[in-house]
C-alpha atoms as a PDB file:
ATOM      1  CA  MET A   1       0.000   0.000   0.000  1.00  0.00           C
ATOM      2  CA  GLN A   2       2.860   2.342   0.821  1.00  0.00           C
ATOM      3  CA  GLU A   3       4.391   1.747  -2.612  1.00  0.00           C
ATOM      4  CA  LEU A   4       1.115   2.583  -4.332  1.00  0.00           C
ATOM      5  CA  TRP A   5       0.789   5.806  -2.334  1.00  0.00           C
ATOM      6  CA  GLU A   6       4.339   6.809  -3.243  1.00  0.00           C
ATOM      7  CA  ALA A   7       3.645   6.039  -6.914  1.00  0.00           C
ATOM      8  CA  PHE A   8       0.531   8.211  -6.744  1.00  0.00           C
ATOM      9  CA  LEU A   9       2.485  11.121  -5.247  1.00  0.00           C
ATOM     10  CA  GLN A  10       5.176  10.757  -7.912  1.00  0.00           C
ATOM     11  CA  ALA A  11       2.477  10.759 -10.580  1.00  0.00           C
ATOM     12  CA  ILE A  12       1.061  14.007  -9.199  1.00  0.00           C
ATOM     13  CA  ASN A  13       4.582  15.447  -9.251  1.00  0.00           C
ATOM     14  CA  LEU A  14       4.970  14.487 -12.925  1.00  0.00           C
ATOM     15  CA  ILE A  15       1.806  16.412 -13.741  1.00  0.00           C
ATOM     16  CA  ILE A  16       2.693  19.471 -11.658  1.00  0.00           C
ATOM     17  CA  SER A  17       6.197  19.624 -13.122  1.00  0.00           C
ATOM     18  CA  LEU A  18       4.697  19.518 -16.641  1.00  0.00           C
ATOM     19  CA  ASP A  19       6.695  16.483 -17.673  1.00  0.00           C
ATOM     20  CA  SER A  20       7.318  16.714 -21.433  1.00  0.00           C
ATOM     21  CA  GLU A  21       6.182  13.170 -22.212  1.00  0.00           C
ATOM     22  CA  VAL A  22       2.985  13.545 -20.197  1.00  0.00           C
ATOM     23  CA  ILE A  23       2.127  16.852 -21.887  1.00  0.00           C
ATOM     24  CA  GLU A  24       2.931  15.527 -25.354  1.00  0.00           C
ATOM     25  CA  ILE A  25       0.707  12.462 -25.003  1.00  0.00           C
ATOM     26  CA  SER A  26      -2.124  14.467 -23.439  1.00  0.00           C
ATOM     27  CA  LEU A  27      -2.135  17.142 -26.150  1.00  0.00           C
ATOM     28  CA  ARG A  28      -2.069  14.524 -28.897  1.00  0.00           C
ATOM     29  CA  SER A  29      -5.035  12.720 -27.338  1.00  0.00           C
ATOM     30  CA  LEU A  30      -7.013  15.946 -27.079  1.00  0.00           C
ATOM     31  CA  TYR A  31      -6.209  16.905 -30.667  1.00  0.00           C
ATOM     32  CA  ILE A  32      -7.171  13.538 -32.152  1.00  0.00           C
ATOM     33  CA  SER A  33     -10.425  13.260 -30.188  1.00  0.00           C
ATOM     34  CA  ALA A  34     -11.355  16.913 -30.812  1.00  0.00           C
ATOM     35  CA  VAL A  35     -10.940  16.493 -34.573  1.00  0.00           C
ATOM     36  CA  ALA A  36     -12.927  13.253 -34.448  1.00  0.00           C
ATOM     37  CA  ILE A  37     -15.849  14.807 -32.561  1.00  0.00           C
ATOM     38  CA  LEU A  38     -15.855  17.853 -34.860  1.00  0.00           C
ATOM     39  CA  ILE A  39     -16.086  15.667 -37.955  1.00  0.00           C
ATOM     40  CA  ALA A  40     -18.747  13.512 -36.311  1.00  0.00           C
ATOM     41  CA  CYS A  41     -20.816  16.592 -35.397  1.00  0.00           C
ATOM     42  CA  LEU A  42     -20.718  17.902 -38.967  1.00  0.00           C
ATOM     43  CA  VAL A  43     -21.982  14.540 -40.211  1.00  0.00           C
ATOM     44  CA  CYS A  44     -24.245  13.215 -37.456  1.00  0.00           C
ATOM     45  CA  ILE A  45     -26.310  16.241 -36.415  1.00  0.00           C
ATOM     46  CA  PRO A  46     -27.617  16.868 -39.971  1.00  0.00           C
ATOM     47  CA  ILE A  47     -28.222  13.126 -40.472  1.00  0.00           C
ATOM     48  CA  GLY A  48     -30.049  12.944 -37.141  1.00  0.00           C
ATOM     49  CA  GLY A  49     -32.195  15.889 -38.245  1.00  0.00           C
ATOM     50  CA  LEU A  50     -33.009  14.248 -41.568  1.00  0.00           C
ATOM     51  CA  ILE A  51     -34.011  11.016 -39.861  1.00  0.00           C
ATOM     52  CA  HIS A  52     -36.222  12.806 -37.337  1.00  0.00           C
ATOM     53  CA  PHE A  53     -37.951  15.226 -39.697  1.00  0.00           C
ATOM     54  CA  HIS A  54     -38.739  12.720 -42.446  1.00  0.00           C
ATOM     55  CA  GLU A  55     -41.018   9.715 -42.418  1.00  0.00           C
ATOM     56  CA  PHE A  56     -39.940   6.714 -44.485  1.00  0.00           C
ATOM     57  CA  THR A  57     -40.287   2.950 -44.543  1.00  0.00           C
ATOM     58  CA  GLY A  58     -37.885   1.264 -42.134  1.00  0.00           C
ATOM     59  CA  LYS A  59     -37.281   4.379 -40.026  1.00  0.00           C
ATOM     60  CA  ARG A  60     -37.828   2.535 -36.742  1.00  0.00           C
ATOM     61  CA  ALA A  61     -35.589  -0.309 -37.859  1.00  0.00           C
ATOM     62  CA  LEU A  62     -32.850   2.146 -38.859  1.00  0.00           C
ATOM     63  CA  ILE A  63     -32.970   3.823 -35.458  1.00  0.00           C
ATOM     64  CA  ASN A  64     -32.780   0.429 -33.750  1.00  0.00           C
ATOM     65  CA  ILE A  65     -29.725  -0.475 -35.816  1.00  0.00           C
ATOM     66  CA  ILE A  66     -28.055   2.817 -34.946  1.00  0.00           C
ATOM     67  CA  GLN A  67     -28.737   2.268 -31.248  1.00  0.00           C
ATOM     68  CA  THR A  68     -27.357  -1.274 -31.484  1.00  0.00           C
ATOM     69  CA  PHE A  69     -23.998   0.161 -32.538  1.00  0.00           C
ATOM     70  CA  TYR A  70     -23.775   2.319 -29.373  1.00  0.00           C
ATOM     71  CA  SER A  71     -21.783  -0.401 -27.662  1.00  0.00           C
ATOM     72  CA  ILE A  72     -19.852  -1.868 -30.587  1.00  0.00           C
ATOM     73  CA  PRO A  73     -16.424  -3.047 -29.334  1.00  0.00           C
ATOM     74  CA  THR A  74     -13.647  -0.644 -30.253  1.00  0.00           C
ATOM     75  CA  VAL A  75     -11.395  -3.484 -31.418  1.00  0.00           C
ATOM     76  CA  VAL A  76     -14.030  -4.503 -33.977  1.00  0.00           C
ATOM     77  CA  VAL A  77     -14.106  -0.977 -35.393  1.00  0.00           C
ATOM     78  CA  GLY A  78     -10.311  -0.972 -35.433  1.00  0.00           C
ATOM     79  CA  LEU A  79     -10.270  -4.306 -37.262  1.00  0.00           C
ATOM     80  CA  PHE A  80     -12.668  -3.210 -40.014  1.00  0.00           C
ATOM     81  CA  VAL A  81     -10.858   0.086 -40.577  1.00  0.00           C
ATOM     82  CA  PHE A  82      -7.553  -1.808 -40.594  1.00  0.00           C
ATOM     83  CA  LEU A  83      -8.843  -4.068 -43.368  1.00  0.00           C
ATOM     84  CA  PHE A  84      -9.731  -1.032 -45.481  1.00  0.00           C
ATOM     85  CA  ILE A  85      -6.556   1.019 -44.996  1.00  0.00           C
ATOM     86  CA  SER A  86      -3.945  -1.752 -44.820  1.00  0.00           C
ATOM     87  CA  ARG A  87      -1.733  -2.241 -47.866  1.00  0.00           C
ATOM     88  CA  ALA A  88      -3.984  -5.050 -49.128  1.00  0.00           C
ATOM     89  CA  GLY A  89      -7.152  -3.005 -48.544  1.00  0.00           C
ATOM     90  CA  PRO A  90      -9.012  -0.773 -51.016  1.00  0.00           C
ATOM     91  CA  LEU A  91      -7.621   2.390 -49.369  1.00  0.00           C
ATOM     92  CA  GLY A  92      -4.124   1.031 -48.845  1.00  0.00           C
ATOM     93  CA  GLY A  93      -2.645   3.473 -51.336  1.00  0.00           C
ATOM     94  CA  MET A  94      -3.475   6.403 -49.037  1.00  0.00           C
ATOM     95  CA  GLU A  95      -0.914   5.127 -46.507  1.00  0.00           C
ATOM     96  CA  LEU A  96      -3.110   5.976 -43.515  1.00  0.00           C
ATOM     97  CA  LEU A  97      -2.273   2.990 -41.351  1.00  0.00           C
ATOM     98  CA  PHE A  98      -0.292   3.804 -38.180  1.00  0.00           C
ATOM     99  CA  THR A  99      -0.936   7.541 -38.498  1.00  0.00           C
ATOM    100  CA  PRO A 100      -3.006   9.966 -36.389  1.00  0.00           C
ATOM    101  CA  GLY A 101      -5.443  10.129 -39.319  1.00  0.00           C
ATOM    102  CA  ALA A 102      -6.191   6.428 -38.977  1.00  0.00           C
ATOM    103  CA  VAL A 103      -6.947   6.852 -35.271  1.00  0.00           C
ATOM    104  CA  ILE A 104      -9.243   9.782 -36.076  1.00  0.00           C
ATOM    105  CA  ILE A 105     -11.149   7.657 -38.610  1.00  0.00           C
ATOM    106  CA  GLY A 106     -11.598   4.918 -36.027  1.00  0.00           C
ATOM    107  CA  GLN A 107     -12.848   7.355 -33.395  1.00  0.00           C
ATOM    108  CA  VAL A 108     -15.262   9.020 -35.833  1.00  0.00           C
ATOM    109  CA  LEU A 109     -16.820   5.648 -36.632  1.00  0.00           C
ATOM    110  CA  LEU A 110     -17.182   4.932 -32.913  1.00  0.00           C
ATOM    111  CA  ILE A 111     -18.896   8.279 -32.328  1.00  0.00           C
ATOM    112  CA  LEU A 112     -21.213   8.203 -35.364  1.00  0.00           C
ATOM    113  CA  PRO A 113     -23.977   5.947 -33.992  1.00  0.00           C
ATOM    114  CA  ILE A 114     -23.974   7.580 -30.546  1.00  0.00           C
ATOM    115  CA  LEU A 115     -24.190  11.130 -31.853  1.00  0.00           C
ATOM    116  CA  THR A 116     -26.725  10.287 -34.565  1.00  0.00           C
ATOM    117  CA  GLY A 117     -29.006   8.253 -32.326  1.00  0.00           C
ATOM    118  CA  MET A 118     -28.924  10.708 -29.437  1.00  0.00           C
ATOM    119  CA  THR A 119     -29.565  13.633 -31.794  1.00  0.00           C
ATOM    120  CA  VAL A 120     -32.688  11.868 -33.057  1.00  0.00           C
ATOM    121  CA  GLY A 121     -33.747  11.217 -29.465  1.00  0.00           C
ATOM    122  CA  ALA A 122     -33.139  14.831 -28.430  1.00  0.00           C
ATOM    123  CA  LEU A 123     -35.168  16.194 -31.364  1.00  0.00           C
ATOM    124  CA  LYS A 124     -37.952  13.719 -30.668  1.00  0.00           C
ATOM    125  CA  GLY A 125     -38.242  15.095 -27.134  1.00  0.00           C
ATOM    126  CA  VAL A 126     -39.133  18.597 -28.373  1.00  0.00           C
ATOM    127  CA  ASP A 127     -42.837  19.411 -28.285  1.00  0.00           C
ATOM    128  CA  ARG A 128     -44.344  19.402 -31.809  1.00  0.00           C
ATOM    129  CA  ALA A 129     -46.047  22.680 -30.938  1.00  0.00           C
ATOM    130  CA  VAL A 130     -42.660  24.410 -31.209  1.00  0.00           C
ATOM    131  CA  LYS A 131     -42.436  23.651 -34.923  1.00  0.00           C
ATOM    132  CA  ASP A 132     -46.119  24.481 -35.519  1.00  0.00           C
ATOM    133  CA  THR A 133     -45.705  27.810 -33.735  1.00  0.00           C
ATOM    134  CA  ALA A 134     -42.586  28.699 -35.747  1.00  0.00           C
ATOM    135  CA  LEU A 135     -44.347  27.874 -39.029  1.00  0.00           C
ATOM    136  CA  SER A 136     -47.417  29.870 -38.042  1.00  0.00           C
ATOM    137  CA  LEU A 137     -45.181  32.888 -37.433  1.00  0.00           C
ATOM    138  CA  GLY A 138     -43.884  32.714 -40.997  1.00  0.00           C
ATOM    139  CA  ALA A 139     -40.726  30.667 -40.537  1.00  0.00           C
ATOM    140  CA  THR A 140     -39.555  28.443 -43.358  1.00  0.00           C
ATOM    141  CA  ASP A 141     -39.108  24.712 -42.812  1.00  0.00           C
ATOM    142  CA  ALA A 142     -35.346  25.248 -42.458  1.00  0.00           C
ATOM    143  CA  HIS A 143     -35.829  27.960 -39.826  1.00  0.00           C
ATOM    144  CA  ALA A 144     -38.336  25.797 -37.984  1.00  0.00           C
ATOM    145  CA  ILE A 145     -35.878  22.915 -37.940  1.00  0.00           C
ATOM    146  CA  TRP A 146     -33.123  25.136 -36.519  1.00  0.00           C
ATOM    147  CA  THR A 147     -35.588  26.363 -33.886  1.00  0.00           C
ATOM    148  CA  ILE A 148     -36.257  22.777 -32.836  1.00  0.00           C
ATOM    149  CA  ILE A 149     -32.536  21.978 -32.769  1.00  0.00           C
ATOM    150  CA  GLY A 150     -32.083  25.018 -30.512  1.00  0.00           C
ATOM    151  CA  GLU A 151     -34.757  23.666 -28.174  1.00  0.00           C
ATOM    152  CA  ALA A 152     -33.008  20.303 -28.145  1.00  0.00           C
ATOM    153  CA  ARG A 153     -29.543  21.762 -27.517  1.00  0.00           C
ATOM    154  CA  PHE A 154     -29.242  20.158 -24.071  1.00  0.00           C
ATOM    155  CA  GLY A 155     -29.693  16.689 -25.513  1.00  0.00           C
ATOM    156  CA  VAL A 156     -27.423  17.405 -28.488  1.00  0.00           C
ATOM    157  CA  VAL A 157     -24.661  18.801 -26.271  1.00  0.00           C
ATOM    158  CA  GLY A 158     -25.040  15.761 -24.040  1.00  0.00           C
ATOM    159  CA  ALA A 159     -24.554  13.562 -27.090  1.00  0.00           C
ATOM    160  CA  VAL A 160     -21.405  15.486 -28.027  1.00  0.00           C
ATOM    161  CA  ILE A 161     -20.018  15.059 -24.500  1.00  0.00           C
ATOM    162  CA  LEU A 162     -20.744  11.342 -24.535  1.00  0.00           C
ATOM    163  CA  GLY A 163     -19.198  11.006 -27.975  1.00  0.00           C
ATOM    164  CA  PHE A 164     -16.029  12.823 -26.945  1.00  0.00           C
ATOM    165  CA  GLY A 165     -15.772  10.654 -23.851  1.00  0.00           C
ATOM    166  CA  ARG A 166     -16.175   7.533 -25.984  1.00  0.00           C
ATOM    167  CA  ALA A 167     -13.429   8.748 -28.326  1.00  0.00           C
ATOM    168  CA  ILE A 168     -10.795   9.838 -25.842  1.00  0.00           C
ATOM    169  CA  SER A 169     -11.247   6.799 -23.587  1.00  0.00           C
ATOM    170  CA  GLU A 170     -11.165   4.055 -26.240  1.00  0.00           C
ATOM    171  CA  VAL A 171      -8.045   1.945 -26.591  1.00  0.00           C
ATOM    172  CA  GLY A 172      -8.717  -0.897 -29.042  1.00  0.00           C
ATOM    173  CA  ALA A 173      -9.037   1.087 -32.273  1.00  0.00           C
ATOM    174  CA  ALA A 174      -6.225   3.455 -31.313  1.00  0.00           C
ATOM    175  CA  MET A 175      -3.890   0.547 -30.684  1.00  0.00           C
ATOM    176  CA  ILE A 176      -4.748  -1.316 -33.902  1.00  0.00           C
ATOM    177  CA  LEU A 177      -4.819   1.710 -36.203  1.00  0.00           C
ATOM    178  CA  GLY A 178      -2.166   3.905 -34.599  1.00  0.00           C
ATOM    179  CA  GLY A 179       0.325   1.269 -33.537  1.00  0.00           C
ATOM    180  CA  ASN A 180       1.106   3.163 -30.303  1.00  0.00           C
ATOM    181  CA  ILE A 181       4.154   4.805 -31.903  1.00  0.00           C
ATOM    182  CA  LYS A 182       6.041   7.015 -29.443  1.00  0.00           C
ATOM    183  CA  GLY A 183       5.955  10.675 -30.391  1.00  0.00           C
ATOM    184  CA  TYR A 184       3.487  10.084 -33.235  1.00  0.00           C
ATOM    185  CA  THR A 185       0.347   8.046 -32.484  1.00  0.00           C
ATOM    186  CA  ARG A 186       0.673   7.256 -28.784  1.00  0.00           C
ATOM    187  CA  VAL A 187      -2.368   8.573 -26.891  1.00  0.00           C
ATOM    188  CA  LEU A 188      -3.433   8.496 -23.253  1.00  0.00           C
ATOM    189  CA  THR A 189      -5.162   5.118 -23.292  1.00  0.00           C
ATOM    190  CA  THR A 190      -2.541   3.239 -25.311  1.00  0.00           C
ATOM    191  CA  ALA A 191       0.249   4.800 -23.236  1.00  0.00           C
ATOM    192  CA  ILE A 192      -1.472   3.746 -20.005  1.00  0.00           C
ATOM    193  CA  GLN A 193      -1.774   0.192 -21.289  1.00  0.00           C
ATOM    194  CA  LEU A 194       1.870   0.059 -22.364  1.00  0.00           C
ATOM    195  CA  GLU A 195       3.301   1.626 -19.205  1.00  0.00           C
ATOM    196  CA  THR A 196       1.216  -0.679 -17.001  1.00  0.00           C
ATOM    197  CA  GLN A 197       2.518  -3.739 -18.853  1.00  0.00           C
ATOM    198  CA  LYS A 198       6.068  -2.422 -18.419  1.00  0.00           C
ATOM    199  CA  GLY A 199       5.487  -1.901 -14.701  1.00  0.00           C
ATOM    200  CA  GLU A 200       5.939   1.895 -14.999  1.00  0.00           C
ATOM    201  CA  LEU A 201       3.037   2.682 -12.695  1.00  0.00           C
ATOM    202  CA  VAL A 202       4.065   6.284 -12.034  1.00  0.00           C
ATOM    203  CA  LEU A 203       3.642   7.404 -15.648  1.00  0.00           C
ATOM    204  CA  ALA A 204       0.541   5.232 -16.070  1.00  0.00           C
ATOM    205  CA  LEU A 205      -1.055   6.814 -12.992  1.00  0.00           C
ATOM    206  CA  ALA A 206      -0.168  10.326 -14.174  1.00  0.00           C
ATOM    207  CA  LEU A 207      -1.809   9.718 -17.535  1.00  0.00           C
ATOM    208  CA  GLY A 208      -4.824   8.099 -15.861  1.00  0.00           C
ATOM    209  CA  ILE A 209      -5.304  11.118 -13.591  1.00  0.00           C
ATOM    210  CA  ILE A 210      -5.143  13.428 -16.606  1.00  0.00           C
ATOM    211  CA  LEU A 211      -7.694  11.319 -18.501  1.00  0.00           C
ATOM    212  CA  ILE A 212     -10.156  11.494 -15.601  1.00  0.00           C
ATOM    213  CA  SER A 213      -9.475  15.207 -15.136  1.00  0.00           C
ATOM    214  CA  ILE A 214     -10.182  15.943 -18.809  1.00  0.00           C
ATOM    215  CA  ALA A 215     -13.568  14.245 -18.546  1.00  0.00           C
ATOM    216  CA  LEU A 216     -14.366  16.180 -15.361  1.00  0.00           C
ATOM    217  CA  VAL A 217     -13.329  19.564 -16.777  1.00  0.00           C
ATOM    218  CA  ILE A 218     -15.326  19.072 -19.972  1.00  0.00           C
ATOM    219  CA  ASN A 219     -18.490  18.251 -18.040  1.00  0.00           C
ATOM    220  CA  ILE A 220     -18.051  21.250 -15.726  1.00  0.00           C
ATOM    221  CA  VAL A 221     -17.446  23.670 -18.615  1.00  0.00           C
ATOM    222  CA  VAL A 222     -20.421  22.391 -20.610  1.00  0.00           C
ATOM    223  CA  ASN A 223     -22.730  22.584 -17.593  1.00  0.00           C
ATOM    224  CA  ILE A 224     -21.655  26.187 -16.978  1.00  0.00           C
ATOM    225  CA  MET A 225     -22.302  27.052 -20.623  1.00  0.00           C
ATOM    226  CA  LEU A 226     -25.736  25.438 -20.586  1.00  0.00           C
ATOM    227  CA  GLN A 227     -26.739  27.333 -17.455  1.00  0.00           C
ATOM    228  CA  ARG A 228     -26.296  30.612 -19.331  1.00  0.00           C
ATOM    229  CA  TYR A 229     -29.131  29.790 -21.736  1.00  0.00           C
END
């Protein structure tokens, strides 16, 4: 127990002293996950809106399929992307494997079903009277849709938070697609796994503390922002 406590204190010291390796890995993780969630937002929020605002055959089945993929194992996503971008795959010529771009692709695919499904759910929770009122006041369909999205912002922001948390905390896809290359594709989760296997608990604990702290800070900031509306 004493050894664990000492390792914890040393980990805190690494963070306070702004250890170069800790900072490098943390910033890379934030960058990769931030790009992934941005891309996912640009794709998923419009798709979620289209699904919600249009009636078509198989809509319920499509939503069920999307929700099924909420908990898809990260290693499975990593495997399928690997098959596409490996040298033998159809996108092998792009030389994406073992690059930050490959990790971003994997994280985007992990986020897609969560963000799409939760966007549909958030829009569904808005009273239909909101749209009817907007249309009666002369708003176009597009303006009415944006009004509804504004009403559902709490649910949409919640989906974004959950998606970012899913991205930055996953390890399987990042390991398979990034290769955990030091100084290039190594992120918080893959570094924690590696350092733990090596018995370097101090660095692993420091990175683990940062990962938890990032999640906490994001939730606090978002809650403060939402309270202003």
